[in-house]
Amino acid sequence: MAFNVMEHDMVPEHHLLSEKEADGVLAELRVGREQLPKIKSGDPAIRFLEEVVGEPIAEGRVIKVVRLSATAGVFVAYRVVVER
């Protein structure tokens, strides 16, 4: 990538969860992967994570998104990767 989108102030942290971590989060939230908000595999943050891990991120993987909020402090959301 010519520009590292993750360095922009408006882009929250994105973390690829392992399958074990994802299963734990889903069990804790009592939801299935199909109930999580979606993030497309072509999203610039996903493309950046693919460069970091060195391989494509498969559909169905869970991404942890950490946002800083003036009112909530730290807000954590989870998204599931879908095809473009």
Protein backbone atom coordinates (compact mmCIF):
# COMPACT_ATOMS: atom_id res chain seq x y z
CA MET A 1 0.00 0.00 0.00
CA ALA A 2 1.23 3.45 -0.84
CA PHE A 3 -0.49 4.97 2.19
CA ASN A 4 -0.89 3.34 5.60
CA VAL A 5 -4.56 3.97 6.35
CA MET A 6 -4.10 2.78 9.94
CA GLU A 7 -1.98 5.85 10.74
CA HIS A 8 -4.90 8.22 10.08
CA ASP A 9 -6.45 9.78 13.22
CA MET A 10 -10.00 8.90 12.17
CA VAL A 11 -9.33 5.17 11.62
CA PRO A 12 -9.88 3.02 14.72
CA GLU A 13 -7.64 0.09 15.66
CA HIS A 14 -8.47 -3.17 13.88
CA HIS A 15 -7.34 -6.54 15.26
CA LEU A 16 -7.75 -9.94 13.65
CA LEU A 17 -8.97 -12.41 16.28
CA SER A 18 -7.83 -16.02 16.33
CA GLU A 19 -10.59 -18.60 15.90
CA LYS A 20 -10.37 -19.43 19.61
CA GLU A 21 -10.67 -15.76 20.60
CA ALA A 22 -13.57 -15.26 18.17
CA ASP A 23 -15.43 -18.28 19.55
CA GLY A 24 -14.96 -16.93 23.09
CA VAL A 25 -16.27 -13.49 22.15
CA LEU A 26 -19.27 -14.94 20.32
CA ALA A 27 -20.10 -17.17 23.28
CA GLU A 28 -19.77 -14.25 25.71
CA LEU A 29 -22.02 -12.04 23.56
CA ARG A 30 -24.37 -14.96 22.83
CA VAL A 31 -24.46 -14.23 19.10
CA GLY A 32 -23.51 -16.03 15.91
CA ARG A 33 -21.15 -14.75 13.26
CA GLU A 34 -24.12 -13.99 11.00
CA GLN A 35 -25.43 -11.53 13.62
CA LEU A 36 -22.28 -9.39 13.69
CA PRO A 37 -21.96 -6.25 11.55
CA LYS A 38 -20.12 -6.92 8.30
CA ILE A 39 -16.82 -5.60 6.97
CA LYS A 40 -15.92 -6.24 3.34
CA SER A 41 -12.71 -8.05 2.47
CA GLY A 42 -11.80 -5.11 0.21
CA ASP A 43 -11.94 -2.59 3.08
CA PRO A 44 -8.60 -0.75 3.36
CA ALA A 45 -8.20 -1.82 7.01
CA ILE A 46 -8.66 -5.49 6.03
CA ARG A 47 -6.21 -5.13 3.16
CA PHE A 48 -3.69 -3.64 5.62
CA LEU A 49 -4.21 -6.52 8.08
CA GLU A 50 -3.63 -8.97 5.21
CA GLU A 51 -0.24 -7.37 4.60
CA VAL A 52 0.58 -7.64 8.32
CA VAL A 53 -0.36 -11.32 8.63
CA GLY A 54 1.04 -12.15 5.19
CA GLU A 55 -1.99 -13.97 3.83
CA PRO A 56 -5.58 -13.28 2.77
CA ILE A 57 -8.15 -13.00 5.56
CA ALA A 58 -10.87 -15.55 4.93
CA GLU A 59 -14.56 -14.80 4.89
CA GLY A 60 -16.08 -15.42 8.32
CA ARG A 61 -13.09 -14.23 10.35
CA VAL A 62 -13.85 -11.85 13.22
CA ILE A 63 -12.25 -8.41 13.50
CA LYS A 64 -12.10 -6.47 16.77
CA VAL A 65 -12.49 -2.70 16.25
CA VAL A 66 -11.37 -0.45 19.13
CA ARG A 67 -12.56 3.16 19.02
CA LEU A 68 -11.72 5.98 21.38
CA SER A 69 -14.80 7.95 22.42
CA ALA A 70 -15.07 11.22 24.32
CA THR A 71 -18.16 9.94 26.14
CA ALA A 72 -17.61 6.19 26.41
CA GLY A 73 -13.83 6.13 26.75
CA VAL A 74 -12.96 2.99 24.82
CA PHE A 75 -15.64 1.31 22.70
CA VAL A 76 -15.07 -2.19 21.32
CA ALA A 77 -17.05 -3.58 18.41
CA TYR A 78 -16.74 -6.81 16.44
CA ARG A 79 -17.25 -7.33 12.72
CA VAL A 80 -17.24 -10.37 10.50
CA VAL A 81 -15.37 -10.36 7.17
CA VAL A 82 -17.54 -10.89 4.08
CA GLU A 83 -16.58 -11.08 0.39
CA ARG A 84 -16.43 -7.91 -1.63
